[in-house]
Protein backbone atom coordinates (compact mmCIF):
# COMPACT_ATOMS: atom_id res chain seq x y z
CA UNK A 1 124.40 94.98 163.19
CA UNK A 2 121.06 97.51 162.92
CA UNK A 3 119.08 97.40 159.37
CA UNK A 4 116.83 100.91 158.07
CA UNK A 5 114.65 99.67 155.10
CA UNK A 6 112.50 102.62 153.75
CA UNK A 7 109.97 102.44 150.96
CA UNK A 8 110.05 105.62 148.00
CA UNK A 9 107.40 105.87 145.20
CA UNK A 10 110.52 107.50 143.58
CA UNK A 11 114.20 107.65 142.11
CA UNK A 12 114.37 111.69 142.99
CA UNK A 13 113.28 110.39 146.26
CA UNK A 14 115.37 106.65 146.65
CA UNK A 15 118.50 109.10 145.28
CA UNK A 16 118.00 111.61 148.45
CA UNK A 17 117.90 108.77 150.93
CA UNK A 18 121.05 107.52 149.37
CA UNK A 19 122.56 110.96 149.71
CA UNK A 20 121.30 111.03 153.39
CA UNK A 21 122.34 108.55 154.05
CA UNK A 22 125.88 108.13 152.93
CA UNK A 23 125.82 112.19 154.40
CA UNK A 24 125.02 110.93 157.99
CA UNK A 25 128.14 108.08 157.94
CA UNK A 26 126.77 105.37 156.52
CA UNK A 27 129.79 103.84 154.13
CA UNK A 28 128.80 103.06 151.17
CA UNK A 29 129.18 99.32 151.19
CA UNK A 30 126.59 99.77 153.92
CA UNK A 31 123.84 100.64 151.19
CA UNK A 32 121.92 98.61 148.88
CA UNK A 33 118.61 100.14 146.72
CA UNK A 34 116.34 97.56 145.88
CA UNK A 35 113.96 98.20 142.94
CA UNK A 36 111.77 96.87 141.04
CA UNK A 37 109.50 97.10 137.73
CA UNK A 38 105.36 97.38 138.34
CA UNK A 39 103.67 94.89 136.11
CA UNK A 40 101.57 96.93 132.82
CA UNK A 41 98.78 96.26 131.09
CA UNK A 42 99.44 97.95 127.82
CA UNK A 43 95.53 98.82 127.13
CA UNK A 44 95.73 101.63 130.02
CA UNK A 45 98.80 103.78 129.08
CA UNK A 46 99.12 106.45 126.47
CA UNK A 47 100.55 105.22 123.39
CA UNK A 48 102.14 106.93 120.56
CA UNK A 49 104.30 109.97 120.43
CA UNK A 50 105.85 111.25 116.72
CA UNK A 51 102.23 112.49 115.59
CA UNK A 52 100.28 112.93 119.01
CA UNK A 53 98.98 110.53 122.30
CA UNK A 54 96.18 107.98 122.15
CA UNK A 55 94.95 107.67 125.48
CA UNK A 56 93.48 104.34 126.21
CA UNK A 57 89.54 105.50 125.61
CA UNK A 58 89.95 106.78 122.17
CA UNK A 59 89.13 104.93 119.32
CA UNK A 60 91.29 103.36 117.07
CA UNK A 61 91.05 101.88 113.61
CA UNK A 62 91.09 98.24 111.85
CA UNK A 63 89.11 96.99 108.66
CA UNK A 64 85.73 97.84 110.23
CA UNK A 65 84.36 100.78 112.45
CA UNK A 66 87.08 101.03 114.67
CA UNK A 67 87.06 99.71 118.29
CA UNK A 68 88.61 101.37 122.00
CA UNK A 69 92.02 100.54 121.99
CA UNK A 70 91.26 99.63 125.57
CA UNK A 71 89.36 96.67 124.65
CA UNK A 72 90.63 93.17 124.53
CA UNK A 73 91.99 91.84 121.53
CA UNK A 74 91.24 88.33 121.80
CA UNK A 75 93.37 86.01 123.43
CA UNK A 76 94.26 82.67 123.92
CA UNK A 77 92.66 81.43 127.46
CA UNK A 78 90.27 82.74 129.50
CA UNK A 79 88.67 86.13 129.48
CA UNK A 80 90.80 88.82 127.30
CA UNK A 81 88.86 91.60 128.94
CA UNK A 82 89.87 90.46 132.70
CA UNK A 83 93.69 89.71 131.44
CA UNK A 84 96.45 92.56 130.56
CA UNK A 85 97.62 93.09 128.07
CA UNK A 86 101.46 92.74 128.24
CA UNK A 87 104.08 94.95 125.03
CA UNK A 88 107.58 94.45 123.87
CA UNK A 89 108.62 96.21 127.24
CA UNK A 90 107.23 94.40 129.54
CA UNK A 91 110.18 93.64 132.03
CA UNK A 92 110.32 91.49 135.04
CA UNK A 93 112.97 92.43 136.82
CA UNK A 94 114.55 94.07 140.17
CA UNK A 95 117.90 95.57 140.12
CA UNK A 96 120.53 96.07 142.86
CA UNK A 97 122.36 98.93 142.92
CA UNK A 98 125.32 98.66 145.63
CA UNK A 99 127.78 101.41 146.22
CA UNK A 100 131.13 100.15 147.01
CA UNK A 101 134.22 102.75 147.62
CA UNK A 102 132.71 105.91 145.24
CA UNK A 103 130.54 104.15 143.03
CA UNK A 104 127.70 102.80 142.09
CA UNK A 105 127.06 98.84 140.96
CA UNK A 106 123.49 97.66 139.38
CA UNK A 107 123.34 94.18 139.36
CA UNK A 108 119.57 92.76 137.69
CA UNK A 109 118.93 89.74 140.42
CA UNK A 110 116.05 87.24 140.56
CA UNK A 111 112.95 87.45 142.94
CA UNK A 112 114.43 85.25 145.31
CA UNK A 113 117.96 86.70 145.80
CA UNK A 114 115.60 89.56 146.63
CA UNK A 115 114.14 88.05 149.37
CA UNK A 116 117.09 86.68 150.69
CA UNK A 117 119.06 90.12 150.65
CA UNK A 118 115.69 91.07 152.84
CA UNK A 119 116.19 88.05 155.42
CA UNK A 120 120.19 88.13 155.03
CA UNK A 121 119.44 92.14 156.11
CA UNK A 122 117.46 90.98 159.52
CA UNK A 123 114.08 91.20 158.05
CA UNK A 124 111.48 88.88 159.47
CA UNK A 125 109.57 86.72 156.45
CA UNK A 126 106.35 88.67 156.67
CA UNK A 127 108.40 91.95 156.24
CA UNK A 128 110.26 90.29 153.61
CA UNK A 129 107.32 89.32 151.35
CA UNK A 130 105.95 93.10 151.78
CA UNK A 131 108.41 94.69 150.62
CA UNK A 132 109.19 91.92 147.42
CA UNK A 133 105.61 92.93 146.54
CA UNK A 134 106.31 96.22 146.93
CA UNK A 135 108.56 96.22 145.00
CA UNK A 136 106.30 94.77 142.00
CA UNK A 137 104.44 97.66 142.65
CA UNK A 138 106.89 99.68 141.37
CA UNK A 139 108.25 100.89 144.95
CA UNK A 140 112.24 101.35 145.57
CA UNK A 141 113.63 100.08 148.96
CA UNK A 142 116.90 101.15 150.32
CA UNK A 143 118.75 99.44 152.98
CA UNK A 144 120.78 101.05 155.09
CA UNK A 145 123.08 98.76 157.42
CA UNK A 146 123.73 101.42 160.12
CA UNK A 147 126.55 99.73 161.84
CA UNK A 148 126.99 101.55 165.96
CA UNK A 149 125.06 104.17 164.99
CA UNK A 150 121.78 105.43 166.41
CA UNK A 151 119.11 104.12 164.33
CA UNK A 152 116.87 106.40 165.20
CA UNK A 153 119.52 109.75 164.19
CA UNK A 154 119.80 107.03 160.70
CA UNK A 155 115.98 107.07 159.60
CA UNK A 156 115.16 110.18 160.77
CA UNK A 157 118.24 111.56 158.46
CA UNK A 158 116.66 108.54 155.53
CA UNK A 159 112.97 110.51 156.41
CA UNK A 160 113.74 113.97 155.93
């Protein structure tokens, strides 16, 4: 069993790779897409939509003269300015999508399961760890079990 693993920066790139793998004759059961969520810092992301967006360096009001939105708001311990600021949108999760039959199934999975999927696919430990770390940076992995097909041909289709 030969497995090809490719990393993509966007959902659109990963979708094209899945379509290419299906077009190359890979069965839907042999394709898995692993996605993660990058860690966000609320102080560096634009905020607001209704009355306009507020950039991270803009001054926002408070009870005194105001402060820059990217300034630390305080913290329980440590140095707040060196720590990221979370939000209600924080979600540390990964998903595994498979394509049995003609459908798409998405499962929310944990870190251990992602690592196990990568190792079970045949990736060595350093490569599996590197790819798991890439998920935490927002990359999307496409795993394709090429079976008896030429891995070079399938890889070329995924890279196109």
